[in-house]
């Protein structure tokens, strides 16, 4: 039984995701880790909350269209 093109593309995407983004250096990965789980997480969350509160489209509010 063969694999469909869609399944093959999906598997390629999974493999790339597991390998990590090649555009990110080790320093970039460390910084992103600090933003999401480390010492910068609270500041990052506060910034996200501020953007969400200021922009209804980002915050999931009603859109005008």
PDB file of N, CA and C in Angstrom:
ATOM      1  N   UNK A   1       0.854  -1.181   0.000  1.00  0.00           N
ATOM      2  CA  UNK A   1       0.000   0.000   0.000  1.00  0.00           C
ATOM      3  C   UNK A   1       0.888   1.229   0.000  1.00  0.00           C
ATOM      4  N   UNK A   2       0.632   2.156  -0.902  1.00  0.00           N
ATOM      5  CA  UNK A   2       1.431   3.366  -1.040  1.00  0.00           C
ATOM      6  C   UNK A   2       0.975   4.467  -0.097  1.00  0.00           C
ATOM      7  N   UNK A   3       1.829   5.438   0.026  1.00  0.00           N
ATOM      8  CA  UNK A   3       1.543   6.597   0.867  1.00  0.00           C
ATOM      9  C   UNK A   3       1.104   7.741  -0.041  1.00  0.00           C
ATOM     10  N   UNK A   4       0.034   8.436   0.336  1.00  0.00           N
ATOM     11  CA  UNK A   4      -0.440   9.545  -0.486  1.00  0.00           C
ATOM     12  C   UNK A   4       0.524  10.725  -0.401  1.00  0.00           C
ATOM     13  N   UNK A   5       0.417  11.612  -1.356  1.00  0.00           N
ATOM     14  CA  UNK A   5       1.270  12.805  -1.368  1.00  0.00           C
ATOM     15  C   UNK A   5       1.020  13.639  -0.115  1.00  0.00           C
ATOM     16  N   UNK A   6      -0.237  13.749   0.279  1.00  0.00           N
ATOM     17  CA  UNK A   6      -0.568  14.514   1.486  1.00  0.00           C
ATOM     18  C   UNK A   6       0.078  13.925   2.727  1.00  0.00           C
ATOM     19  N   UNK A   7       0.042  12.595   2.841  1.00  0.00           N
ATOM     20  CA  UNK A   7       0.664  11.941   3.992  1.00  0.00           C
ATOM     21  C   UNK A   7       2.180  12.129   3.980  1.00  0.00           C
ATOM     22  N   UNK A   8       2.759  12.070   2.781  1.00  0.00           N
ATOM     23  CA  UNK A   8       4.200  12.268   2.652  1.00  0.00           C
ATOM     24  C   UNK A   8       4.593  13.695   3.055  1.00  0.00           C
ATOM     25  N   UNK A   9       3.824  14.676   2.603  1.00  0.00           N
ATOM     26  CA  UNK A   9       4.103  16.063   2.972  1.00  0.00           C
ATOM     27  C   UNK A   9       3.941  16.290   4.471  1.00  0.00           C
ATOM     28  N   UNK A  10       2.926  15.671   5.043  1.00  0.00           N
ATOM     29  CA  UNK A  10       2.705  15.787   6.479  1.00  0.00           C
ATOM     30  C   UNK A  10       3.873  15.204   7.264  1.00  0.00           C
ATOM     31  N   UNK A  11       4.374  14.059   6.830  1.00  0.00           N
ATOM     32  CA  UNK A  11       5.517  13.438   7.503  1.00  0.00           C
ATOM     33  C   UNK A  11       6.766  14.300   7.364  1.00  0.00           C
ATOM     34  N   UNK A  12       6.981  14.897   6.195  1.00  0.00           N
ATOM     35  CA  UNK A  12       8.121  15.797   6.020  1.00  0.00           C
ATOM     36  C   UNK A  12       8.019  16.989   6.957  1.00  0.00           C
ATOM     37  N   UNK A  13       6.815  17.512   7.102  1.00  0.00           N
ATOM     38  CA  UNK A  13       6.596  18.655   8.009  1.00  0.00           C
ATOM     39  C   UNK A  13       6.893  18.256   9.452  1.00  0.00           C
ATOM     40  N   UNK A  14       6.439  17.076   9.860  1.00  0.00           N
ATOM     41  CA  UNK A  14       6.709  16.583  11.216  1.00  0.00           C
ATOM     42  C   UNK A  14       8.213  16.450  11.463  1.00  0.00           C
ATOM     43  N   UNK A  15       8.922  15.913  10.473  1.00  0.00           N
ATOM     44  CA  UNK A  15      10.361  15.742  10.612  1.00  0.00           C
ATOM     45  C   UNK A  15      11.062  17.089  10.762  1.00  0.00           C
ATOM     46  N   UNK A  16      10.658  18.080   9.967  1.00  0.00           N
ATOM     47  CA  UNK A  16      11.256  19.414  10.092  1.00  0.00           C
ATOM     48  C   UNK A  16      10.963  20.020  11.452  1.00  0.00           C
ATOM     49  N   UNK A  17       9.736  19.840  11.934  1.00  0.00           N
ATOM     50  CA  UNK A  17       9.350  20.402  13.222  1.00  0.00           C
ATOM     51  C   UNK A  17      10.161  19.770  14.346  1.00  0.00           C
ATOM     52  N   UNK A  18      10.366  18.449  14.277  1.00  0.00           N
ATOM     53  CA  UNK A  18      11.162  17.765  15.295  1.00  0.00           C
ATOM     54  C   UNK A  18      12.624  18.202  15.265  1.00  0.00           C
ATOM     55  N   UNK A  19      13.128  18.517  14.080  1.00  0.00           N
ATOM     56  CA  UNK A  19      14.524  18.916  13.934  1.00  0.00           C
ATOM     57  C   UNK A  19      14.760  20.339  14.432  1.00  0.00           C
ATOM     58  N   UNK A  20      13.717  21.128  14.537  1.00  0.00           N
ATOM     59  CA  UNK A  20      13.864  22.515  14.961  1.00  0.00           C
ATOM     60  C   UNK A  20      14.061  23.421  13.760  1.00  0.00           C
ATOM     61  N   UNK A  21      13.871  24.689  13.980  1.00  0.00           N
ATOM     62  CA  UNK A  21      13.990  25.675  12.913  1.00  0.00           C
ATOM     63  C   UNK A  21      15.455  25.943  12.629  1.00  0.00           C
ATOM     64  N   UNK A  22      15.918  25.668  11.405  1.00  0.00           N
ATOM     65  CA  UNK A  22      17.336  25.866  11.098  1.00  0.00           C
ATOM     66  C   UNK A  22      17.749  27.329  11.097  1.00  0.00           C
ATOM     67  N   UNK A  23      16.784  28.241  11.072  1.00  0.00           N
ATOM     68  CA  UNK A  23      17.117  29.668  11.088  1.00  0.00           C
ATOM     69  C   UNK A  23      17.499  30.151  12.484  1.00  0.00           C
ATOM     70  N   UNK A  24      17.209  29.342  13.496  1.00  0.00           N
ATOM     71  CA  UNK A  24      17.505  29.739  14.874  1.00  0.00           C
ATOM     72  C   UNK A  24      18.854  29.192  15.322  1.00  0.00           C
ATOM     73  N   UNK A  25      19.639  30.080  15.880  1.00  0.00           N
ATOM     74  CA  UNK A  25      20.914  29.648  16.453  1.00  0.00           C
ATOM     75  C   UNK A  25      20.660  29.119  17.864  1.00  0.00           C
ATOM     76  N   UNK A  26      21.671  28.555  18.467  1.00  0.00           N
ATOM     77  CA  UNK A  26      21.545  28.088  19.849  1.00  0.00           C
ATOM     78  C   UNK A  26      21.225  29.254  20.775  1.00  0.00           C
ATOM     79  N   UNK A  27      21.814  30.420  20.506  1.00  0.00           N
ATOM     80  CA  UNK A  27      21.551  31.619  21.313  1.00  0.00           C
ATOM     81  C   UNK A  27      20.087  32.030  21.179  1.00  0.00           C
ATOM     82  N   UNK A  28      19.558  31.984  19.957  1.00  0.00           N
ATOM     83  CA  UNK A  28      18.151  32.315  19.729  1.00  0.00           C
ATOM     84  C   UNK A  28      17.232  31.363  20.490  1.00  0.00           C
ATOM     85  N   UNK A  29      17.549  30.069  20.436  1.00  0.00           N
ATOM     86  CA  UNK A  29      16.727  29.073  21.145  1.00  0.00           C
ATOM     87  C   UNK A  29      16.757  29.324  22.655  1.00  0.00           C
ATOM     88  N   UNK A  30      17.928  29.674  23.158  1.00  0.00           N
ATOM     89  CA  UNK A  30      18.043  29.972  24.588  1.00  0.00           C
ATOM     90  C   UNK A  30      17.180  31.174  24.956  1.00  0.00           C
ATOM     91  N   UNK A  31      17.225  32.216  24.136  1.00  0.00           N
ATOM     92  CA  UNK A  31      16.433  33.412  24.397  1.00  0.00           C
ATOM     93  C   UNK A  31      14.941  33.104  24.355  1.00  0.00           C
ATOM     94  N   UNK A  32      14.507  32.348  23.347  1.00  0.00           N
ATOM     95  CA  UNK A  32      13.092  31.983  23.267  1.00  0.00           C
ATOM     96  C   UNK A  32      12.661  31.156  24.479  1.00  0.00           C
ATOM     97  N   UNK A  33      13.545  30.297  24.948  1.00  0.00           N
ATOM     98  CA  UNK A  33      13.247  29.528  26.157  1.00  0.00           C
ATOM     99  C   UNK A  33      13.068  30.426  27.368  1.00  0.00           C
ATOM    100  N   UNK A  34      13.899  31.447  27.453  1.00  0.00           N
ATOM    101  CA  UNK A  34      13.773  32.408  28.559  1.00  0.00           C
ATOM    102  C   UNK A  34      12.465  33.181  28.459  1.00  0.00           C
ATOM    103  N   UNK A  35      12.037  33.499  27.236  1.00  0.00           N
ATOM    104  CA  UNK A  35      10.787  34.239  27.047  1.00  0.00           C
ATOM    105  C   UNK A  35       9.577  33.413  27.441  1.00  0.00           C
ATOM    106  N   UNK A  36       9.584  32.155  27.102  1.00  0.00           N
ATOM    107  CA  UNK A  36       8.389  31.346  27.300  1.00  0.00           C
ATOM    108  C   UNK A  36       8.347  30.600  28.623  1.00  0.00           C
ATOM    109  N   UNK A  37       9.498  30.226  29.170  1.00  0.00           N
ATOM    110  CA  UNK A  37       9.501  29.429  30.400  1.00  0.00           C
ATOM    111  C   UNK A  37      10.448  29.953  31.474  1.00  0.00           C
ATOM    112  N   UNK A  38      11.290  30.901  31.132  1.00  0.00           N
ATOM    113  CA  UNK A  38      12.338  31.308  32.059  1.00  0.00           C
ATOM    114  C   UNK A  38      12.086  32.638  32.736  1.00  0.00           C
ATOM    115  N   UNK A  39      13.183  33.335  32.986  1.00  0.00           N
ATOM    116  CA  UNK A  39      13.131  34.557  33.776  1.00  0.00           C
ATOM    117  C   UNK A  39      12.430  35.716  33.075  1.00  0.00           C
ATOM    118  N   UNK A  40      12.217  35.648  31.783  1.00  0.00           N
ATOM    119  CA  UNK A  40      11.529  36.724  31.064  1.00  0.00           C
ATOM    120  C   UNK A  40      10.051  36.414  30.813  1.00  0.00           C
ATOM    121  N   UNK A  41       9.585  35.278  31.281  1.00  0.00           N
ATOM    122  CA  UNK A  41       8.223  34.834  30.982  1.00  0.00           C
ATOM    123  C   UNK A  41       7.158  35.809  31.485  1.00  0.00           C
ATOM    124  N   UNK A  42       7.310  36.346  32.674  1.00  0.00           N
ATOM    125  CA  UNK A  42       6.306  37.267  33.212  1.00  0.00           C
ATOM    126  C   UNK A  42       6.236  38.557  32.403  1.00  0.00           C
ATOM    127  N   UNK A  43       7.390  39.098  32.019  1.00  0.00           N
ATOM    128  CA  UNK A  43       7.403  40.320  31.205  1.00  0.00           C
ATOM    129  C   UNK A  43       6.807  40.047  29.833  1.00  0.00           C
ATOM    130  N   UNK A  44       7.132  38.897  29.264  1.00  0.00           N
ATOM    131  CA  UNK A  44       6.603  38.526  27.959  1.00  0.00           C
ATOM    132  C   UNK A  44       5.081  38.384  28.031  1.00  0.00           C
ATOM    133  N   UNK A  45       4.567  37.735  29.067  1.00  0.00           N
ATOM    134  CA  UNK A  45       3.122  37.569  29.217  1.00  0.00           C
ATOM    135  C   UNK A  45       2.437  38.915  29.413  1.00  0.00           C
ATOM    136  N   UNK A  46       3.045  39.812  30.170  1.00  0.00           N
ATOM    137  CA  UNK A  46       2.469  41.142  30.369  1.00  0.00           C
ATOM    138  C   UNK A  46       2.382  41.896  29.046  1.00  0.00           C
ATOM    139  N   UNK A  47       3.414  41.771  28.209  1.00  0.00           N
ATOM    140  CA  UNK A  47       3.396  42.423  26.904  1.00  0.00           C
ATOM    141  C   UNK A  47       2.304  41.825  26.016  1.00  0.00           C
ATOM    142  N   UNK A  48       2.151  40.512  26.038  1.00  0.00           N
ATOM    143  CA  UNK A  48       1.085  39.869  25.260  1.00  0.00           C
ATOM    144  C   UNK A  48      -0.293  40.318  25.740  1.00  0.00           C
ATOM    145  N   UNK A  49      -0.462  40.407  27.041  1.00  0.00           N
ATOM    146  CA  UNK A  49      -1.736  40.855  27.606  1.00  0.00           C
ATOM    147  C   UNK A  49      -2.046  42.288  27.191  1.00  0.00           C
ATOM    148  N   UNK A  50      -1.023  43.150  27.181  1.00  0.00           N
ATOM    149  CA  UNK A  50      -1.224  44.549  26.794  1.00  0.00           C
ATOM    150  C   UNK A  50      -1.640  44.653  25.333  1.00  0.00           C
ATOM    151  N   UNK A  51      -1.009  43.885  24.469  1.00  0.00           N
ATOM    152  CA  UNK A  51      -1.373  43.894  23.051  1.00  0.00           C
ATOM    153  C   UNK A  51      -2.790  43.360  22.871  1.00  0.00           C
ATOM    154  N   UNK A  52      -3.125  42.301  23.565  1.00  0.00           N
ATOM    155  CA  UNK A  52      -4.468  41.722  23.464  1.00  0.00           C
ATOM    156  C   UNK A  52      -5.536  42.701  23.930  1.00  0.00           C
ATOM    157  N   UNK A  53      -5.250  43.446  24.983  1.00  0.00           N
ATOM    158  CA  UNK A  53      -6.213  44.417  25.505  1.00  0.00           C
ATOM    159  C   UNK A  53      -6.362  45.615  24.562  1.00  0.00           C
ATOM    160  N   UNK A  54      -5.285  46.001  23.899  1.00  0.00           N
ATOM    161  CA  UNK A  54      -5.310  47.181  23.043  1.00  0.00           C
ATOM    162  C   UNK A  54      -5.895  46.895  21.654  1.00  0.00           C
ATOM    163  N   UNK A  55      -5.829  45.674  21.195  1.00  0.00           N
ATOM    164  CA  UNK A  55      -6.280  45.331  19.851  1.00  0.00           C
ATOM    165  C   UNK A  55      -7.305  44.226  19.912  1.00  0.00           C
ATOM    166  N   UNK A  56      -8.580  44.543  19.671  1.00  0.00           N
ATOM    167  CA  UNK A  56      -9.638  43.537  19.784  1.00  0.00           C
ATOM    168  C   UNK A  56      -9.468  42.348  18.838  1.00  0.00           C
ATOM    169  N   UNK A  57      -8.860  42.565  17.665  1.00  0.00           N
ATOM    170  CA  UNK A  57      -8.668  41.442  16.747  1.00  0.00           C
ATOM    171  C   UNK A  57      -7.650  40.446  17.306  1.00  0.00           C
ATOM    172  N   UNK A  58      -6.600  40.952  17.921  1.00  0.00           N
ATOM    173  CA  UNK A  58      -5.596  40.076  18.525  1.00  0.00           C
ATOM    174  C   UNK A  58      -6.155  39.436  19.790  1.00  0.00           C
ATOM    175  N   UNK A  59      -6.931  40.202  20.545  1.00  0.00           N
ATOM    176  CA  UNK A  59      -7.470  39.722  21.810  1.00  0.00           C
ATOM    177  C   UNK A  59      -8.674  38.814  21.677  1.00  0.00           C
ATOM    178  N   UNK A  60      -9.142  38.596  20.431  1.00  0.00           N
ATOM    179  CA  UNK A  60     -10.262  37.696  20.227  1.00  0.00           C
ATOM    180  C   UNK A  60     -11.619  38.372  20.365  1.00  0.00           C
ATOM    181  N   UNK A  61     -11.630  39.699  20.331  1.00  0.00           N
ATOM    182  CA  UNK A  61     -12.892  40.431  20.451  1.00  0.00           C
ATOM    183  C   UNK A  61     -13.658  40.468  19.143  1.00  0.00           C
ATOM    184  N   UNK A  62     -14.717  41.234  19.122  1.00  0.00           N
ATOM    185  CA  UNK A  62     -15.552  41.387  17.939  1.00  0.00           C
ATOM    186  C   UNK A  62     -14.785  42.080  16.825  1.00  0.00           C
ATOM    187  N   UNK A  63     -14.964  41.612  15.592  1.00  0.00           N
ATOM    188  CA  UNK A  63     -14.369  42.321  14.461  1.00  0.00           C
ATOM    189  C   UNK A  63     -15.431  43.159  13.774  1.00  0.00           C
ATOM    190  N   UNK A  64     -15.023  44.178  13.067  1.00  0.00           N
ATOM    191  CA  UNK A  64     -15.941  45.105  12.439  1.00  0.00           C
ATOM    192  C   UNK A  64     -16.344  44.676  11.027  1.00  0.00           C
ATOM    193  N   UNK A  65     -15.809  43.541  10.559  1.00  0.00           N
ATOM    194  CA  UNK A  65     -16.081  43.134   9.181  1.00  0.00           C
ATOM    195  C   UNK A  65     -16.981  42.011   9.146  1.00  0.00           C
TER     196      UNK A  65
END
